[in-house]
């Protein structure tokens, strides 16, 4: 079963503060994720990709490696590559 990822992004002076809900197997988890404007430019798949879609793709990447319950409750998208060095390369292909 595929997880359902819902992202709400609120603009801040440095980028976006995103509330993310992941529902998998009937259980929901909630996460607070920060996305910097420069990170959106770096990892977006197209010029029109929204912060919400990029954060959702980041969660697709994470969920391929761990369950939603294992994902930190609060983090910066840029922190993902510290735990998963392949993130930088692979997020461009998702």
N, C-alpha and C. Protein backbone atom coordinates (compact mmCIF):
# COMPACT_ATOMS: atom_id res chain seq x y z
N UNK A 1 0.84 -1.18 0.00
CA UNK A 1 0.00 0.00 0.00
C UNK A 1 0.88 1.25 0.00
N UNK A 2 0.52 2.22 -0.79
CA UNK A 2 1.26 3.46 -0.89
C UNK A 2 0.81 4.44 0.19
N UNK A 3 1.75 5.15 0.74
CA UNK A 3 1.43 6.17 1.74
C UNK A 3 0.79 7.38 1.07
N UNK A 4 -0.08 8.05 1.80
CA UNK A 4 -0.68 9.30 1.33
C UNK A 4 0.06 10.43 2.04
N UNK A 5 0.60 11.35 1.26
CA UNK A 5 1.39 12.46 1.80
C UNK A 5 0.65 13.76 1.52
N UNK A 6 0.39 14.52 2.58
CA UNK A 6 -0.29 15.81 2.45
C UNK A 6 0.65 16.89 2.99
N UNK A 7 0.86 17.95 2.19
CA UNK A 7 1.80 19.00 2.58
C UNK A 7 1.11 20.36 2.51
N UNK A 8 1.25 21.13 3.59
CA UNK A 8 0.77 22.50 3.64
C UNK A 8 2.00 23.38 3.86
N UNK A 9 2.29 24.31 2.94
CA UNK A 9 3.48 25.15 3.03
C UNK A 9 3.10 26.60 3.30
N UNK A 10 3.73 27.17 4.32
CA UNK A 10 3.50 28.57 4.69
C UNK A 10 4.80 29.33 4.43
N UNK A 11 4.75 30.39 3.61
CA UNK A 11 5.97 31.15 3.34
C UNK A 11 6.54 31.81 4.60
N UNK A 12 7.87 31.82 4.71
CA UNK A 12 8.58 32.52 5.78
C UNK A 12 9.60 33.44 5.11
N UNK A 13 10.34 34.18 5.90
CA UNK A 13 11.33 35.07 5.32
C UNK A 13 12.52 34.32 4.70
N UNK A 14 12.70 33.04 5.02
CA UNK A 14 13.81 32.26 4.47
C UNK A 14 13.38 31.15 3.52
N UNK A 15 12.08 30.93 3.39
CA UNK A 15 11.60 29.84 2.55
C UNK A 15 10.17 29.47 2.92
N UNK A 16 9.99 28.23 3.39
CA UNK A 16 8.66 27.74 3.74
C UNK A 16 8.74 26.86 4.99
N UNK A 17 7.70 26.95 5.79
CA UNK A 17 7.51 26.06 6.94
C UNK A 17 6.37 25.15 6.54
N UNK A 18 6.64 23.86 6.48
CA UNK A 18 5.66 22.91 5.95
C UNK A 18 5.15 21.96 7.03
N UNK A 19 3.85 21.80 7.05
CA UNK A 19 3.24 20.77 7.87
C UNK A 19 2.97 19.58 6.96
N UNK A 20 3.46 18.43 7.36
CA UNK A 20 3.33 17.23 6.54
C UNK A 20 2.60 16.16 7.32
N UNK A 21 1.58 15.56 6.69
CA UNK A 21 0.89 14.42 7.27
C UNK A 21 1.11 13.24 6.35
N UNK A 22 1.56 12.15 6.93
CA UNK A 22 1.76 10.91 6.18
C UNK A 22 0.83 9.86 6.76
N UNK A 23 0.00 9.29 5.90
CA UNK A 23 -0.90 8.22 6.33
C UNK A 23 -0.50 6.95 5.61
N UNK A 24 -0.13 5.96 6.37
CA UNK A 24 0.18 4.65 5.80
C UNK A 24 -0.37 3.57 6.71
N UNK A 25 -1.04 2.62 6.08
CA UNK A 25 -1.66 1.51 6.80
C UNK A 25 -2.60 1.99 7.90
N UNK A 26 -3.35 3.07 7.62
CA UNK A 26 -4.34 3.57 8.56
C UNK A 26 -3.79 4.41 9.70
N UNK A 27 -2.49 4.63 9.74
CA UNK A 27 -1.87 5.40 10.81
C UNK A 27 -1.29 6.68 10.23
N UNK A 28 -1.56 7.80 10.91
CA UNK A 28 -1.04 9.10 10.45
C UNK A 28 0.11 9.55 11.33
N UNK A 29 1.11 10.16 10.69
CA UNK A 29 2.19 10.81 11.42
C UNK A 29 2.26 12.25 10.94
N UNK A 30 2.73 13.13 11.82
CA UNK A 30 2.79 14.55 11.51
C UNK A 30 4.23 15.04 11.66
N UNK A 31 4.63 15.88 10.72
CA UNK A 31 6.01 16.36 10.68
C UNK A 31 6.02 17.86 10.37
N UNK A 32 7.03 18.55 10.89
CA UNK A 32 7.27 19.96 10.62
C UNK A 32 8.57 20.03 9.83
N UNK A 33 8.49 20.52 8.61
CA UNK A 33 9.66 20.51 7.73
C UNK A 33 9.90 21.92 7.21
N UNK A 34 11.16 22.34 7.27
CA UNK A 34 11.53 23.64 6.76
C UNK A 34 12.24 23.46 5.41
N UNK A 35 11.87 24.30 4.45
CA UNK A 35 12.47 24.27 3.12
C UNK A 35 12.98 25.66 2.81
N UNK A 36 14.28 25.78 2.61
CA UNK A 36 14.87 27.06 2.26
C UNK A 36 14.65 27.38 0.79
N UNK A 37 14.57 28.67 0.47
CA UNK A 37 14.37 29.08 -0.93
C UNK A 37 15.48 28.55 -1.83
N UNK A 38 16.72 28.56 -1.35
CA UNK A 38 17.83 28.06 -2.18
C UNK A 38 17.73 26.55 -2.39
N UNK A 39 17.19 25.83 -1.40
CA UNK A 39 17.02 24.38 -1.55
C UNK A 39 15.92 24.06 -2.56
N UNK A 40 14.87 24.88 -2.59
CA UNK A 40 13.84 24.68 -3.61
C UNK A 40 14.46 24.84 -5.00
N UNK A 41 15.27 25.87 -5.18
CA UNK A 41 15.92 26.09 -6.47
C UNK A 41 16.86 24.94 -6.83
N UNK A 42 17.56 24.45 -5.84
CA UNK A 42 18.54 23.37 -6.06
C UNK A 42 17.90 22.06 -6.47
N UNK A 43 16.79 21.70 -5.82
CA UNK A 43 16.23 20.36 -6.00
C UNK A 43 14.93 20.30 -6.78
N UNK A 44 14.38 21.41 -7.19
CA UNK A 44 13.10 21.34 -7.91
C UNK A 44 13.30 20.63 -9.24
N UNK A 45 12.28 19.89 -9.64
CA UNK A 45 12.36 19.10 -10.87
C UNK A 45 12.01 19.92 -12.10
N UNK A 46 11.37 21.07 -11.89
CA UNK A 46 11.02 21.97 -13.00
C UNK A 46 10.87 23.37 -12.42
N UNK A 47 10.94 24.39 -13.26
CA UNK A 47 10.79 25.77 -12.75
C UNK A 47 9.45 26.03 -12.08
N UNK A 48 8.45 25.25 -12.40
CA UNK A 48 7.13 25.48 -11.83
C UNK A 48 6.82 24.59 -10.61
N UNK A 49 7.77 23.75 -10.19
CA UNK A 49 7.50 22.88 -9.05
C UNK A 49 7.29 23.70 -7.78
N UNK A 50 6.26 23.37 -7.04
CA UNK A 50 5.92 24.09 -5.81
C UNK A 50 6.70 23.53 -4.62
N UNK A 51 6.80 24.32 -3.56
CA UNK A 51 7.42 23.80 -2.33
C UNK A 51 6.69 22.54 -1.83
N UNK A 52 5.36 22.54 -1.95
CA UNK A 52 4.59 21.38 -1.49
C UNK A 52 5.01 20.12 -2.24
N UNK A 53 5.16 20.21 -3.54
CA UNK A 53 5.51 19.03 -4.34
C UNK A 53 6.92 18.57 -4.03
N UNK A 54 7.87 19.50 -3.87
CA UNK A 54 9.24 19.09 -3.55
C UNK A 54 9.29 18.39 -2.19
N UNK A 55 8.59 18.93 -1.20
CA UNK A 55 8.57 18.28 0.12
C UNK A 55 7.91 16.91 0.03
N UNK A 56 6.85 16.78 -0.75
CA UNK A 56 6.21 15.48 -0.94
C UNK A 56 7.20 14.50 -1.58
N UNK A 57 7.97 14.96 -2.57
CA UNK A 57 8.96 14.08 -3.20
C UNK A 57 10.05 13.68 -2.20
N UNK A 58 10.43 14.61 -1.33
CA UNK A 58 11.42 14.28 -0.29
C UNK A 58 10.88 13.19 0.63
N UNK A 59 9.59 13.27 0.95
CA UNK A 59 8.98 12.23 1.79
C UNK A 59 8.87 10.91 1.03
N UNK A 60 8.61 10.94 -0.25
CA UNK A 60 8.62 9.70 -1.04
C UNK A 60 9.99 9.04 -0.96
N UNK A 61 11.03 9.85 -1.06
CA UNK A 61 12.41 9.36 -0.93
C UNK A 61 12.60 8.71 0.44
N UNK A 62 12.21 9.42 1.51
CA UNK A 62 12.39 8.89 2.86
C UNK A 62 11.58 7.63 3.09
N UNK A 63 10.33 7.61 2.63
CA UNK A 63 9.47 6.45 2.85
C UNK A 63 9.95 5.21 2.10
N UNK A 64 10.76 5.39 1.08
CA UNK A 64 11.34 4.24 0.39
C UNK A 64 12.44 3.60 1.24
N UNK A 65 12.86 4.29 2.30
CA UNK A 65 13.97 3.83 3.13
C UNK A 65 13.58 3.53 4.58
N UNK A 66 12.47 4.12 5.03
CA UNK A 66 12.06 3.92 6.42
C UNK A 66 10.56 4.20 6.54
N UNK A 67 9.98 3.75 7.64
CA UNK A 67 8.55 3.98 7.85
C UNK A 67 8.32 5.42 8.28
N UNK A 68 7.11 5.88 8.15
CA UNK A 68 6.77 7.25 8.55
C UNK A 68 7.08 7.47 10.03
N UNK A 69 6.89 6.45 10.86
CA UNK A 69 7.15 6.57 12.29
C UNK A 69 8.63 6.80 12.58
N UNK A 70 9.51 6.41 11.67
CA UNK A 70 10.95 6.58 11.87
C UNK A 70 11.44 7.95 11.39
N UNK A 71 10.64 8.67 10.64
CA UNK A 71 11.03 9.98 10.14
C UNK A 71 10.93 11.00 11.27
N UNK A 72 11.94 11.83 11.40
CA UNK A 72 11.95 12.85 12.45
C UNK A 72 10.71 13.72 12.41
N UNK A 73 10.28 14.19 13.56
CA UNK A 73 9.09 15.03 13.62
C UNK A 73 9.35 16.43 13.08
N UNK A 74 10.59 16.91 13.19
CA UNK A 74 10.93 18.25 12.74
C UNK A 74 12.34 18.26 12.17
N UNK A 75 12.49 18.81 10.97
CA UNK A 75 13.81 18.86 10.34
C UNK A 75 13.79 19.79 9.13
N UNK A 76 14.96 20.12 8.63
CA UNK A 76 15.13 20.88 7.39
C UNK A 76 15.29 19.87 6.25
N UNK A 77 14.73 20.15 5.09
CA UNK A 77 14.90 19.25 3.94
C UNK A 77 16.39 19.05 3.67
N UNK A 78 17.19 20.10 3.83
CA UNK A 78 18.63 20.00 3.58
C UNK A 78 19.32 18.99 4.50
N UNK A 79 18.73 18.69 5.66
CA UNK A 79 19.33 17.72 6.59
C UNK A 79 19.26 16.29 6.07
N UNK A 80 18.36 16.02 5.14
CA UNK A 80 18.17 14.64 4.67
C UNK A 80 19.47 14.07 4.11
N UNK A 81 20.23 14.88 3.39
CA UNK A 81 21.45 14.35 2.78
C UNK A 81 22.53 13.99 3.80
N UNK A 82 22.43 14.50 5.03
CA UNK A 82 23.37 14.07 6.08
C UNK A 82 23.13 12.62 6.46
N UNK A 83 21.87 12.21 6.44
CA UNK A 83 21.51 10.83 6.79
C UNK A 83 21.54 9.91 5.58
N UNK A 84 21.22 10.47 4.43
CA UNK A 84 21.16 9.71 3.18
C UNK A 84 21.95 10.48 2.11
N UNK A 85 23.24 10.22 1.99
CA UNK A 85 24.09 10.98 1.05
C UNK A 85 23.59 10.94 -0.40
N UNK A 86 22.84 9.92 -0.77
CA UNK A 86 22.34 9.81 -2.13
C UNK A 86 21.15 10.74 -2.41
N UNK A 87 20.64 11.40 -1.39
CA UNK A 87 19.47 12.27 -1.56
C UNK A 87 19.69 13.32 -2.64
N UNK A 88 20.83 14.00 -2.58
CA UNK A 88 21.10 15.08 -3.52
C UNK A 88 20.97 14.61 -4.96
N UNK A 89 21.50 13.46 -5.24
CA UNK A 89 21.47 12.91 -6.60
C UNK A 89 20.09 12.34 -6.95
N UNK A 90 19.51 11.59 -6.05
CA UNK A 90 18.27 10.88 -6.35
C UNK A 90 17.02 11.76 -6.36
N UNK A 91 17.00 12.85 -5.57
CA UNK A 91 15.78 13.68 -5.52
C UNK A 91 15.51 14.30 -6.89
N UNK A 92 16.54 14.50 -7.66
CA UNK A 92 16.37 15.08 -9.00
C UNK A 92 15.68 14.11 -9.94
N UNK A 93 15.76 12.81 -9.65
CA UNK A 93 15.16 11.80 -10.53
C UNK A 93 13.78 11.33 -10.10
N UNK A 94 13.30 11.79 -8.94
CA UNK A 94 11.98 11.36 -8.44
C UNK A 94 10.87 12.16 -9.09
